[in-house]
Amino acid sequence: MFNQDQEISDKFHPTESIVVYPGDCLDLLQSIPDETLQLVVTSPPYNIGKEYEKKLNLESYIQQQAEVITECVRALSPAGSICWQVGNYVDKGAIIPLDTVLYPVLSNLGLKMRNRIIWHFEHGLHCSKRFSGRYETIIWFTKTEDYIFNLDPVRVPQKYPGKKHFKGPKAGQYSSNPLGKNPGDLWVIPNVKSNHVEKTEHPCQFPVELIERLVLSMTNEGDWVFDPFLGTGTTIIAALRHGRRGAGAEILPKYIELAHQRIQQELAGTLRTRPMGKPVYDPFEAGNSLTVAPWYQQENEQMTLLEDRSPYESDAHEDH
């Protein structure tokens, strides 16, 4: 559907396929006709004082978000979905889960919540006075009861694909779906940190594969996917990768430039991303020597003989 020569427009029009608007998302939304968008997905500013946001009191922040959400609902298709991915607002050391304070905003607009998806990752800031945060949430709402949900494209491998029915009329037949299982509402996907293949200078960039799962399950080919807080273009990249149209707004020039670069790389097939469904790296299984704590090593350096071996490696030798 898309090719390397596809142009990136800075204005919305139904005939376009890629829109990166350099400005306020409310201005862009005003140009989008009613019931045009199939999926609205974003990771909005968390009101924690990043360079791209002005920290507001919580009430003002919620009001600001409500303005954007209201316009998104107007532009959303009757079969459409909104996925708002948020973390915690921190106020003098106390956390306030933003999904809980934004829930009434979406619910009062007549939307129905379908899932509260937990996105778990293993790396982030280390706290000293509370447990370190290692998850964020994606709250998924639909506009009507007749919404698009495609499970098959996002199924994941079965844990026991050889399992069979042990009784009843299907006894002896395989009980697992050959396409895989429902991924559930707890998603373990690495976040974009310093050594991540997708890392740019954006401090809160989310991974392409996270959005791919939403795009594949909640839209069909040719549908519009919209991100009111576009950042470096991840949402549009995920949309284009699967034959959808993508639009979004961003206010910072350096992120607009990065979004253009990354989208053009995606169109050219050169953008490096973490593959969807790739297993999370296990340093023990990989035999990484850094998993051996130096304070447990014996002074006779006997441990150095074992550092390069995986803990799962057998002591047995096969001689043929």
C-alpha atoms as a PDB file:
ATOM      1  CA  MET A   1       0.000   0.000   0.000  1.00  0.00           C
ATOM      2  CA  PHE A   2       2.877   2.360   0.765  1.00  0.00           C
ATOM      3  CA  ASN A   3       6.177   2.887  -1.011  1.00  0.00           C
ATOM      4  CA  GLN A   4       9.477   4.611  -0.418  1.00  0.00           C
ATOM      5  CA  ASP A   5       8.355   7.716  -2.299  1.00  0.00           C
ATOM      6  CA  GLN A   6       5.287   8.236  -0.125  1.00  0.00           C
ATOM      7  CA  GLU A   7       5.086  11.871   0.968  1.00  0.00           C
ATOM      8  CA  ILE A   8       4.653  13.005   4.558  1.00  0.00           C
ATOM      9  CA  SER A   9       2.001  15.704   4.754  1.00  0.00           C
ATOM     10  CA  ASP A  10       1.847  18.387   7.430  1.00  0.00           C
ATOM     11  CA  LYS A  11      -1.937  18.747   7.057  1.00  0.00           C
ATOM     12  CA  PHE A  12      -4.753  16.240   7.400  1.00  0.00           C
ATOM     13  CA  HIS A  13      -6.806  15.236   4.401  1.00  0.00           C
ATOM     14  CA  PRO A  14      -8.721  11.971   3.874  1.00  0.00           C
ATOM     15  CA  THR A  15      -6.683  11.262   0.730  1.00  0.00           C
ATOM     16  CA  GLU A  16      -3.355  11.381   2.581  1.00  0.00           C
ATOM     17  CA  SER A  17      -1.689   8.379   4.189  1.00  0.00           C
ATOM     18  CA  ILE A  18       0.957   9.944   6.450  1.00  0.00           C
ATOM     19  CA  VAL A  19       0.436  13.136   8.436  1.00  0.00           C
ATOM     20  CA  VAL A  20       2.952  14.726  10.822  1.00  0.00           C
ATOM     21  CA  TYR A  21       1.468  17.986  12.051  1.00  0.00           C
ATOM     22  CA  PRO A  22       3.995  20.465  13.516  1.00  0.00           C
ATOM     23  CA  GLY A  23       1.886  21.996  16.251  1.00  0.00           C
ATOM     24  CA  ASP A  24      -0.824  21.532  18.847  1.00  0.00           C
ATOM     25  CA  CYS A  25      -2.886  18.362  18.493  1.00  0.00           C
ATOM     26  CA  LEU A  26      -6.134  20.279  19.082  1.00  0.00           C
ATOM     27  CA  ASP A  27      -5.454  22.314  15.950  1.00  0.00           C
ATOM     28  CA  LEU A  28      -4.887  19.122  13.961  1.00  0.00           C
ATOM     29  CA  LEU A  29      -7.991  17.474  15.396  1.00  0.00           C
ATOM     30  CA  GLN A  30     -10.148  20.396  14.235  1.00  0.00           C
ATOM     31  CA  SER A  31      -9.262  19.465  10.650  1.00  0.00           C
ATOM     32  CA  ILE A  32     -10.235  15.790  11.046  1.00  0.00           C
ATOM     33  CA  PRO A  33     -13.879  15.021  10.132  1.00  0.00           C
ATOM     34  CA  ASP A  34     -16.217  13.257  12.567  1.00  0.00           C
ATOM     35  CA  GLU A  35     -15.893   9.464  12.852  1.00  0.00           C
ATOM     36  CA  THR A  36     -12.745   9.286  10.703  1.00  0.00           C
ATOM     37  CA  LEU A  37     -10.251   7.596  13.020  1.00  0.00           C
ATOM     38  CA  GLN A  38     -10.284   3.884  13.788  1.00  0.00           C
ATOM     39  CA  LEU A  39      -7.645   3.886  16.529  1.00  0.00           C
ATOM     40  CA  VAL A  40      -6.368   6.646  18.772  1.00  0.00           C
ATOM     41  CA  VAL A  41      -3.272   5.510  20.637  1.00  0.00           C
ATOM     42  CA  THR A  42      -0.853   7.673  22.551  1.00  0.00           C
ATOM     43  CA  SER A  43       1.491   8.052  25.473  1.00  0.00           C
ATOM     44  CA  PRO A  44       0.682  11.597  26.615  1.00  0.00           C
ATOM     45  CA  PRO A  45       2.921  13.739  28.835  1.00  0.00           C
ATOM     46  CA  TYR A  46       2.762  12.434  32.414  1.00  0.00           C
ATOM     47  CA  ASN A  47       2.983  15.900  33.987  1.00  0.00           C
ATOM     48  CA  ILE A  48       6.357  15.180  35.597  1.00  0.00           C
ATOM     49  CA  GLY A  49       8.216  18.167  34.191  1.00  0.00           C
ATOM     50  CA  LYS A  50       9.895  16.769  31.073  1.00  0.00           C
ATOM     51  CA  GLU A  51      11.226  19.266  28.545  1.00  0.00           C
ATOM     52  CA  TYR A  52       8.190  18.844  26.285  1.00  0.00           C
ATOM     53  CA  GLU A  53       5.635  19.614  28.995  1.00  0.00           C
ATOM     54  CA  LYS A  54       4.829  22.367  31.427  1.00  0.00           C
ATOM     55  CA  LYS A  55       4.071  20.875  34.820  1.00  0.00           C
ATOM     56  CA  LEU A  56       0.525  21.660  35.926  1.00  0.00           C
ATOM     57  CA  ASN A  57      -1.422  20.940  39.075  1.00  0.00           C
ATOM     58  CA  LEU A  58      -3.303  17.678  38.725  1.00  0.00           C
ATOM     59  CA  GLU A  59      -6.714  19.270  38.175  1.00  0.00           C
ATOM     60  CA  SER A  60      -5.409  21.436  35.327  1.00  0.00           C
ATOM     61  CA  TYR A  61      -3.618  18.459  33.811  1.00  0.00           C
ATOM     62  CA  ILE A  62      -6.781  16.358  33.803  1.00  0.00           C
ATOM     63  CA  GLN A  63      -8.721  19.240  32.230  1.00  0.00           C
ATOM     64  CA  GLN A  64      -6.068  19.560  29.505  1.00  0.00           C
ATOM     65  CA  GLN A  65      -6.195  15.829  28.787  1.00  0.00           C
ATOM     66  CA  ALA A  66     -10.009  15.897  28.780  1.00  0.00           C
ATOM     67  CA  GLU A  67      -9.992  18.526  26.020  1.00  0.00           C
ATOM     68  CA  VAL A  68      -7.864  16.324  23.806  1.00  0.00           C
ATOM     69  CA  ILE A  69      -9.773  13.134  24.617  1.00  0.00           C
ATOM     70  CA  THR A  70     -13.118  14.814  23.867  1.00  0.00           C
ATOM     71  CA  GLU A  71     -11.932  15.857  20.407  1.00  0.00           C
ATOM     72  CA  CYS A  72     -10.506  12.372  19.787  1.00  0.00           C
ATOM     73  CA  VAL A  73     -13.870  10.813  20.630  1.00  0.00           C
ATOM     74  CA  ARG A  74     -15.620  13.134  18.172  1.00  0.00           C
ATOM     75  CA  ALA A  75     -13.240  12.045  15.410  1.00  0.00           C
ATOM     76  CA  LEU A  76     -13.407   8.361  16.348  1.00  0.00           C
ATOM     77  CA  SER A  77     -15.261   5.827  14.215  1.00  0.00           C
ATOM     78  CA  PRO A  78     -18.248   4.056  15.849  1.00  0.00           C
ATOM     79  CA  ALA A  79     -16.185   0.843  15.613  1.00  0.00           C
ATOM     80  CA  GLY A  80     -13.091   2.603  16.913  1.00  0.00           C
ATOM     81  CA  SER A  81     -10.871   2.311  19.973  1.00  0.00           C
ATOM     82  CA  ILE A  82      -8.893   4.661  22.196  1.00  0.00           C
ATOM     83  CA  CYS A  83      -5.765   3.386  23.966  1.00  0.00           C
ATOM     84  CA  TRP A  84      -4.285   5.830  26.481  1.00  0.00           C
ATOM     85  CA  GLN A  85      -0.907   4.609  27.755  1.00  0.00           C
ATOM     86  CA  VAL A  86       0.099   6.263  31.030  1.00  0.00           C
ATOM     87  CA  GLY A  87       2.248   5.883  34.125  1.00  0.00           C
ATOM     88  CA  ASN A  88       2.175   7.628  37.476  1.00  0.00           C
ATOM     89  CA  TYR A  89       2.057  11.286  38.487  1.00  0.00           C
ATOM     90  CA  VAL A  90       4.482  11.875  41.354  1.00  0.00           C
ATOM     91  CA  ASP A  91       3.673  14.569  43.895  1.00  0.00           C
ATOM     92  CA  LYS A  92       6.125  15.071  46.770  1.00  0.00           C
ATOM     93  CA  GLY A  93       7.087  11.420  46.761  1.00  0.00           C
ATOM     94  CA  ALA A  94       3.515  10.097  46.549  1.00  0.00           C
ATOM     95  CA  ILE A  95       2.343   8.454  43.333  1.00  0.00           C
ATOM     96  CA  ILE A  96      -1.046   8.885  41.681  1.00  0.00           C
ATOM     97  CA  PRO A  97      -1.854   6.343  38.928  1.00  0.00           C
ATOM     98  CA  LEU A  98      -2.929   8.494  35.983  1.00  0.00           C
ATOM     99  CA  ASP A  99      -5.169   5.819  34.503  1.00  0.00           C
ATOM    100  CA  THR A 100      -7.374   5.987  37.602  1.00  0.00           C
ATOM    101  CA  VAL A 101      -7.878   9.751  37.374  1.00  0.00           C
ATOM    102  CA  LEU A 102      -8.417   9.667  33.600  1.00  0.00           C
ATOM    103  CA  TYR A 103     -10.914   6.805  33.712  1.00  0.00           C
ATOM    104  CA  PRO A 104     -13.876   9.099  34.618  1.00  0.00           C
ATOM    105  CA  VAL A 105     -13.004  11.407  31.716  1.00  0.00           C
ATOM    106  CA  LEU A 106     -13.363   8.625  29.166  1.00  0.00           C
ATOM    107  CA  SER A 107     -16.267   6.921  30.889  1.00  0.00           C
ATOM    108  CA  ASN A 108     -18.274  10.171  31.103  1.00  0.00           C
ATOM    109  CA  LEU A 109     -17.932  10.526  27.332  1.00  0.00           C
ATOM    110  CA  GLY A 110     -19.856   7.275  26.930  1.00  0.00           C
ATOM    111  CA  LEU A 111     -16.852   5.070  26.193  1.00  0.00           C
ATOM    112  CA  LYS A 112     -16.690   1.475  27.467  1.00  0.00           C
ATOM    113  CA  MET A 113     -13.483   0.163  29.023  1.00  0.00           C
ATOM    114  CA  ARG A 114     -12.468  -3.195  27.536  1.00  0.00           C
ATOM    115  CA  ASN A 115      -9.103  -3.784  29.187  1.00  0.00           C
ATOM    116  CA  ARG A 116      -6.608  -2.289  31.574  1.00  0.00           C
ATOM    117  CA  ILE A 117      -3.417  -3.661  30.039  1.00  0.00           C
ATOM    118  CA  ILE A 118      -0.308  -3.801  32.190  1.00  0.00           C
ATOM    119  CA  TRP A 119       2.906  -3.165  30.263  1.00  0.00           C
ATOM    120  CA  HIS A 120       5.762  -4.656  32.294  1.00  0.00           C
ATOM    121  CA  PHE A 121       9.427  -3.860  31.658  1.00  0.00           C
ATOM    122  CA  GLU A 122      12.547  -4.664  33.649  1.00  0.00           C
ATOM    123  CA  HIS A 123      14.611  -1.487  33.472  1.00  0.00           C
ATOM    124  CA  GLY A 124      14.103   2.056  34.708  1.00  0.00           C
ATOM    125  CA  LEU A 125      14.895   4.492  37.490  1.00  0.00           C
ATOM    126  CA  HIS A 126      15.880   3.009  40.835  1.00  0.00           C
ATOM    127  CA  CYS A 127      13.947   4.267  43.864  1.00  0.00           C
ATOM    128  CA  SER A 128      15.307   4.370  47.400  1.00  0.00           C
ATOM    129  CA  LYS A 129      12.126   5.127  49.371  1.00  0.00           C
ATOM    130  CA  ARG A 130       9.648   2.903  47.510  1.00  0.00           C
ATOM    131  CA  PHE A 131       9.756  -0.040  45.125  1.00  0.00           C
ATOM    132  CA  SER A 132      11.033   0.908  41.684  1.00  0.00           C
ATOM    133  CA  GLY A 133       8.315   1.349  39.070  1.00  0.00           C
ATOM    134  CA  ARG A 134       8.410  -1.354  36.420  1.00  0.00           C
ATOM    135  CA  TYR A 135       5.054  -1.076  34.702  1.00  0.00           C
ATOM    136  CA  GLU A 136       2.721   1.339  32.963  1.00  0.00           C
ATOM    137  CA  THR A 137      -0.872   0.856  31.904  1.00  0.00           C
ATOM    138  CA  ILE A 138      -2.791   1.022  28.643  1.00  0.00           C
ATOM    139  CA  ILE A 139      -6.456   1.750  29.199  1.00  0.00           C
ATOM    140  CA  TRP A 140      -8.479   0.575  26.204  1.00  0.00           C
ATOM    141  CA  PHE A 141     -11.919   2.049  25.558  1.00  0.00           C
ATOM    142  CA  THR A 142     -14.341   1.563  22.671  1.00  0.00           C
ATOM    143  CA  LYS A 143     -16.995   3.931  21.360  1.00  0.00           C
ATOM    144  CA  THR A 144     -19.731   1.309  20.858  1.00  0.00           C
ATOM    145  CA  GLU A 145     -20.406  -2.381  21.394  1.00  0.00           C
ATOM    146  CA  ASP A 146     -19.719  -3.034  17.699  1.00  0.00           C
ATOM    147  CA  TYR A 147     -15.943  -2.546  17.718  1.00  0.00           C
ATOM    148  CA  ILE A 148     -13.083  -4.088  15.752  1.00  0.00           C
ATOM    149  CA  PHE A 149     -11.027  -6.693  17.579  1.00  0.00           C
ATOM    150  CA  ASN A 150      -8.814  -9.086  15.639  1.00  0.00           C
ATOM    151  CA  LEU A 151      -7.249 -11.636  17.988  1.00  0.00           C
ATOM    152  CA  ASP A 152      -5.542 -13.961  15.500  1.00  0.00           C
ATOM    153  CA  PRO A 153      -2.831 -11.513  14.296  1.00  0.00           C
ATOM    154  CA  VAL A 154      -1.582 -10.966  17.865  1.00  0.00           C
ATOM    155  CA  ARG A 155      -1.698 -14.488  19.269  1.00  0.00           C
ATOM    156  CA  VAL A 156       1.471 -15.652  21.026  1.00  0.00           C
ATOM    157  CA  PRO A 157       3.017 -19.143  21.217  1.00  0.00           C
ATOM    158  CA  GLN A 158       1.331 -21.670  23.475  1.00  0.00           C
ATOM    159  CA  LYS A 159       3.224 -22.728  26.583  1.00  0.00           C
ATOM    160  CA  TYR A 160       2.190 -26.355  26.000  1.00  0.00           C
ATOM    161  CA  PRO A 161       1.303 -26.670  22.290  1.00  0.00           C
ATOM    162  CA  GLY A 162       1.250 -30.486  22.547  1.00  0.00           C
ATOM    163  CA  LYS A 163      -1.487 -30.554  25.192  1.00  0.00           C
ATOM    164  CA  LYS A 164      -4.508 -32.749  24.344  1.00  0.00           C
ATOM    165  CA  HIS A 165      -8.050 -33.164  25.629  1.00  0.00           C
ATOM    166  CA  PHE A 166      -8.026 -36.062  28.081  1.00  0.00           C
ATOM    167  CA  LYS A 167     -11.771 -36.776  28.149  1.00  0.00           C
ATOM    168  CA  GLY A 168     -15.011 -36.056  26.353  1.00  0.00           C
ATOM    169  CA  PRO A 169     -15.780 -36.187  22.635  1.00  0.00           C
ATOM    170  CA  LYS A 170     -12.464 -34.463  21.775  1.00  0.00           C
ATOM    171  CA  ALA A 171     -10.299 -36.814  23.868  1.00  0.00           C
ATOM    172  CA  GLY A 172      -6.916 -37.285  22.232  1.00  0.00           C
ATOM    173  CA  GLN A 173      -7.228 -34.194  20.052  1.00  0.00           C
ATOM    174  CA  TYR A 174      -4.949 -31.217  20.519  1.00  0.00           C
ATOM    175  CA  SER A 175      -6.579 -28.629  22.783  1.00  0.00           C
ATOM    176  CA  SER A 176      -4.442 -25.627  21.809  1.00  0.00           C
ATOM    177  CA  ASN A 177      -5.257 -23.179  19.045  1.00  0.00           C
ATOM    178  CA  PRO A 178      -2.656 -23.804  16.311  1.00  0.00           C
ATOM    179  CA  LEU A 179      -2.339 -20.036  15.794  1.00  0.00           C
ATOM    180  CA  GLY A 180      -1.319 -19.517  19.419  1.00  0.00           C
ATOM    181  CA  LYS A 181      -3.004 -18.165  22.518  1.00  0.00           C
ATOM    182  CA  ASN A 182      -4.506 -14.868  23.599  1.00  0.00           C
ATOM    183  CA  PRO A 183      -1.623 -12.698  24.918  1.00  0.00           C
ATOM    184  CA  GLY A 184      -3.666 -11.649  27.947  1.00  0.00           C
ATOM    185  CA  ASP A 185      -3.598  -8.248  29.625  1.00  0.00           C
ATOM    186  CA  LEU A 186      -0.035  -8.426  31.005  1.00  0.00           C
ATOM    187  CA  TRP A 187       2.485  -7.603  28.288  1.00  0.00           C
ATOM    188  CA  VAL A 188       6.193  -8.107  28.920  1.00  0.00           C
ATOM    189  CA  ILE A 189       7.960  -5.896  26.380  1.00  0.00           C
ATOM    190  CA  PRO A 190      11.343  -4.196  26.964  1.00  0.00           C
ATOM    191  CA  ASN A 191      11.158  -0.414  27.261  1.00  0.00           C
ATOM    192  CA  VAL A 192      13.347   1.818  25.114  1.00  0.00           C
ATOM    193  CA  LYS A 193      16.451   2.501  27.170  1.00  0.00           C
ATOM    194  CA  SER A 194      20.065   3.354  26.295  1.00  0.00           C
ATOM    195  CA  ASN A 195      20.995   0.040  24.668  1.00  0.00           C
ATOM    196  CA  HIS A 196      17.657  -0.490  22.873  1.00  0.00           C
ATOM    197  CA  VAL A 197      17.925  -0.675  19.089  1.00  0.00           C
ATOM    198  CA  GLU A 198      15.196   1.987  18.701  1.00  0.00           C
ATOM    199  CA  LYS A 199      16.631   4.547  21.137  1.00  0.00           C
ATOM    200  CA  THR A 200      16.612   8.205  20.107  1.00  0.00           C
ATOM    201  CA  GLU A 201      17.137  11.295  22.265  1.00  0.00           C
ATOM    202  CA  HIS A 202      13.478  11.276  23.320  1.00  0.00           C
ATOM    203  CA  PRO A 203      13.386  10.428  27.070  1.00  0.00           C
ATOM    204  CA  CYS A 204      10.069   8.555  27.082  1.00  0.00           C
ATOM    205  CA  GLN A 205       9.926   6.767  23.746  1.00  0.00           C
ATOM    206  CA  PHE A 206       7.751   3.682  23.577  1.00  0.00           C
ATOM    207  CA  PRO A 207       8.643   0.546  21.567  1.00  0.00           C
ATOM    208  CA  VAL A 208       7.199  -0.078  18.122  1.00  0.00           C
ATOM    209  CA  GLU A 209       6.111  -3.616  19.003  1.00  0.00           C
ATOM    210  CA  LEU A 210       3.858  -2.320  21.784  1.00  0.00           C
ATOM    211  CA  ILE A 211       1.880  -0.258  19.274  1.00  0.00           C
ATOM    212  CA  GLU A 212       1.987  -2.976  16.610  1.00  0.00           C
ATOM    213  CA  ARG A 213      -0.073  -5.252  18.846  1.00  0.00           C
ATOM    214  CA  LEU A 214      -2.725  -2.549  19.245  1.00  0.00           C
ATOM    215  CA  VAL A 215      -2.755  -1.680  15.542  1.00  0.00           C
ATOM    216  CA  LEU A 216      -3.113  -5.303  14.434  1.00  0.00           C
ATOM    217  CA  SER A 217      -5.850  -6.144  16.913  1.00  0.00           C
ATOM    218  CA  MET A 218      -7.971  -2.977  16.719  1.00  0.00           C
ATOM    219  CA  THR A 219      -7.772  -1.877  13.075  1.00  0.00           C
ATOM    220  CA  ASN A 220      -8.008  -3.212   9.534  1.00  0.00           C
ATOM    221  CA  GLU A 221      -5.807  -2.352   6.566  1.00  0.00           C
ATOM    222  CA  GLY A 222      -6.330   1.176   5.287  1.00  0.00           C
ATOM    223  CA  ASP A 223      -7.716   2.458   8.604  1.00  0.00           C
ATOM    224  CA  TRP A 224      -6.534   5.681  10.225  1.00  0.00           C
ATOM    225  CA  VAL A 225      -4.363   5.418  13.354  1.00  0.00           C
ATOM    226  CA  PHE A 226      -3.928   8.690  15.239  1.00  0.00           C
ATOM    227  CA  ASP A 227      -1.523   9.859  17.941  1.00  0.00           C
ATOM    228  CA  PRO A 228      -2.166  13.309  19.445  1.00  0.00           C
ATOM    229  CA  PHE A 229       1.260  13.333  21.159  1.00  0.00           C
ATOM    230  CA  LEU A 230       3.385  11.824  18.396  1.00  0.00           C
ATOM    231  CA  GLY A 231       6.903  12.212  19.768  1.00  0.00           C
ATOM    232  CA  THR A 232       9.352  10.533  17.396  1.00  0.00           C
ATOM    233  CA  GLY A 233       6.694   8.912  15.206  1.00  0.00           C
ATOM    234  CA  THR A 234       6.415   5.421  16.704  1.00  0.00           C
ATOM    235  CA  THR A 235       2.637   5.187  16.240  1.00  0.00           C
ATOM    236  CA  ILE A 236       2.804   6.128  12.560  1.00  0.00           C
ATOM    237  CA  ILE A 237       5.638   3.649  12.025  1.00  0.00           C
ATOM    238  CA  ALA A 238       3.588   0.813  13.546  1.00  0.00           C
ATOM    239  CA  ALA A 239       0.588   1.802  11.422  1.00  0.00           C
ATOM    240  CA  LEU A 240       2.508   1.957   8.140  1.00  0.00           C
ATOM    241  CA  ARG A 241       4.238  -1.334   8.834  1.00  0.00           C
ATOM    242  CA  HIS A 242       0.871  -3.083   8.670  1.00  0.00           C
ATOM    243  CA  GLY A 243      -0.804  -1.208   5.833  1.00  0.00           C
ATOM    244  CA  ARG A 244      -2.665   1.391   7.888  1.00  0.00           C
ATOM    245  CA  ARG A 245      -2.647   5.186   7.600  1.00  0.00           C
ATOM    246  CA  GLY A 246      -0.973   7.226  10.316  1.00  0.00           C
ATOM    247  CA  ALA A 247      -1.394  10.768  11.621  1.00  0.00           C
ATOM    248  CA  GLY A 248      -0.144  12.676  14.626  1.00  0.00           C
ATOM    249  CA  ALA A 249       0.894  16.024  16.083  1.00  0.00           C
ATOM    250  CA  GLU A 250       4.124  17.094  17.756  1.00  0.00           C
ATOM    251  CA  ILE A 251       5.160  20.535  19.035  1.00  0.00           C
ATOM    252  CA  LEU A 252       8.945  20.193  19.424  1.00  0.00           C
ATOM    253  CA  PRO A 253      10.917  20.725  16.184  1.00  0.00           C
ATOM    254  CA  LYS A 254      13.653  18.222  17.076  1.00  0.00           C
ATOM    255  CA  TYR A 255      11.117  15.442  17.590  1.00  0.00           C
ATOM    256  CA  ILE A 256       9.302  16.392  14.392  1.00  0.00           C
ATOM    257  CA  GLU A 257      12.602  16.013  12.546  1.00  0.00           C
ATOM    258  CA  LEU A 258      13.252  12.658  14.209  1.00  0.00           C
ATOM    259  CA  ALA A 259       9.746  11.483  13.325  1.00  0.00           C
ATOM    260  CA  HIS A 260      10.311  12.384   9.666  1.00  0.00           C
ATOM    261  CA  GLN A 261      13.642  10.549   9.631  1.00  0.00           C
ATOM    262  CA  ARG A 262      12.273   7.413  11.255  1.00  0.00           C
ATOM    263  CA  ILE A 263       9.145   7.304   9.070  1.00  0.00           C
ATOM    264  CA  GLN A 264      11.253   7.689   5.933  1.00  0.00           C
ATOM    265  CA  GLN A 265      13.522   4.891   7.134  1.00  0.00           C
ATOM    266  CA  GLU A 266      10.468   2.709   7.725  1.00  0.00           C
ATOM    267  CA  LEU A 267       9.229   3.387   4.193  1.00  0.00           C
ATOM    268  CA  ALA A 268      12.671   2.512   2.853  1.00  0.00           C
ATOM    269  CA  GLY A 269      12.817  -0.659   4.930  1.00  0.00           C
ATOM    270  CA  THR A 270      15.932   0.442   6.825  1.00  0.00           C
ATOM    271  CA  LEU A 271      14.500   1.349  10.242  1.00  0.00           C
ATOM    272  CA  ARG A 272      15.938  -0.879  12.948  1.00  0.00           C
ATOM    273  CA  THR A 273      13.352  -2.053  15.473  1.00  0.00           C
ATOM    274  CA  ARG A 274      12.964  -4.866  17.951  1.00  0.00           C
ATOM    275  CA  PRO A 275      10.933  -7.628  16.229  1.00  0.00           C
ATOM    276  CA  MET A 276       7.425  -8.138  17.535  1.00  0.00           C
ATOM    277  CA  GLY A 277       7.239 -11.259  19.684  1.00  0.00           C
ATOM    278  CA  LYS A 278      10.984 -11.617  20.217  1.00  0.00           C
ATOM    279  CA  PRO A 279      11.655 -13.322  23.593  1.00  0.00           C
ATOM    280  CA  VAL A 280      12.958 -11.097  26.370  1.00  0.00           C
ATOM    281  CA  TYR A 281      16.712 -11.471  26.817  1.00  0.00           C
ATOM    282  CA  ASP A 282      17.706 -13.844  29.623  1.00  0.00           C
ATOM    283  CA  PRO A 283      21.284 -13.071  30.769  1.00  0.00           C
ATOM    284  CA  PHE A 284      21.584 -16.348  32.678  1.00  0.00           C
ATOM    285  CA  GLU A 285      20.532 -18.460  29.729  1.00  0.00           C
ATOM    286  CA  ALA A 286      22.879 -16.477  27.492  1.00  0.00           C
ATOM    287  CA  GLY A 287      25.791 -17.244  29.826  1.00  0.00           C
ATOM    288  CA  ASN A 288      26.525 -13.574  30.471  1.00  0.00           C
ATOM    289  CA  SER A 289      29.498 -13.370  32.837  1.00  0.00           C
ATOM    290  CA  LEU A 290      28.084 -10.245  34.510  1.00  0.00           C
ATOM    291  CA  THR A 291      25.492 -12.427  36.231  1.00  0.00           C
ATOM    292  CA  VAL A 292      28.228 -13.745  38.542  1.00  0.00           C
ATOM    293  CA  ALA A 293      28.375 -11.498  41.618  1.00  0.00           C
ATOM    294  CA  PRO A 294      32.033 -10.547  42.309  1.00  0.00           C
ATOM    295  CA  TRP A 295      31.519 -10.652  46.074  1.00  0.00           C
ATOM    296  CA  TYR A 296      30.681 -14.356  45.839  1.00  0.00           C
ATOM    297  CA  GLN A 297      33.779 -15.313  43.883  1.00  0.00           C
ATOM    298  CA  GLN A 298      36.344 -17.420  45.628  1.00  0.00           C
ATOM    299  CA  GLU A 299      39.783 -15.951  46.166  1.00  0.00           C
ATOM    300  CA  ASN A 300      41.421 -18.892  44.397  1.00  0.00           C
ATOM    301  CA  GLU A 301      39.709 -17.726  41.175  1.00  0.00           C
ATOM    302  CA  GLN A 302      38.046 -21.066  40.751  1.00  0.00           C
ATOM    303  CA  MET A 303      34.911 -19.227  39.661  1.00  0.00           C
ATOM    304  CA  THR A 304      36.590 -17.745  36.590  1.00  0.00           C
ATOM    305  CA  LEU A 305      36.610 -21.204  35.045  1.00  0.00           C
ATOM    306  CA  LEU A 306      32.832 -21.279  35.209  1.00  0.00           C
ATOM    307  CA  GLU A 307      31.902 -17.704  34.283  1.00  0.00           C
ATOM    308  CA  ASP A 308      31.649 -18.365  30.558  1.00  0.00           C
ATOM    309  CA  ARG A 309      29.311 -21.310  30.983  1.00  0.00           C
ATOM    310  CA  SER A 310      25.550 -21.144  30.961  1.00  0.00           C
ATOM    311  CA  PRO A 311      23.929 -22.431  34.160  1.00  0.00           C
ATOM    312  CA  TYR A 312      21.877 -24.740  31.948  1.00  0.00           C
ATOM    313  CA  GLU A 313      24.892 -26.262  30.195  1.00  0.00           C
ATOM    314  CA  SER A 314      25.345 -29.957  30.889  1.00  0.00           C
ATOM    315  CA  ASP A 315      28.524 -31.354  32.451  1.00  0.00           C
ATOM    316  CA  ALA A 316      28.272 -34.361  30.201  1.00  0.00           C
ATOM    317  CA  HIS A 317      30.523 -34.601  27.144  1.00  0.00           C
ATOM    318  CA  GLU A 318      29.454 -36.308  23.971  1.00  0.00           C
ATOM    319  CA  ASP A 319      32.321 -38.257  22.394  1.00  0.00           C
ATOM    320  CA  HIS A 320      31.707 -39.787  19.001  1.00  0.00           C
END
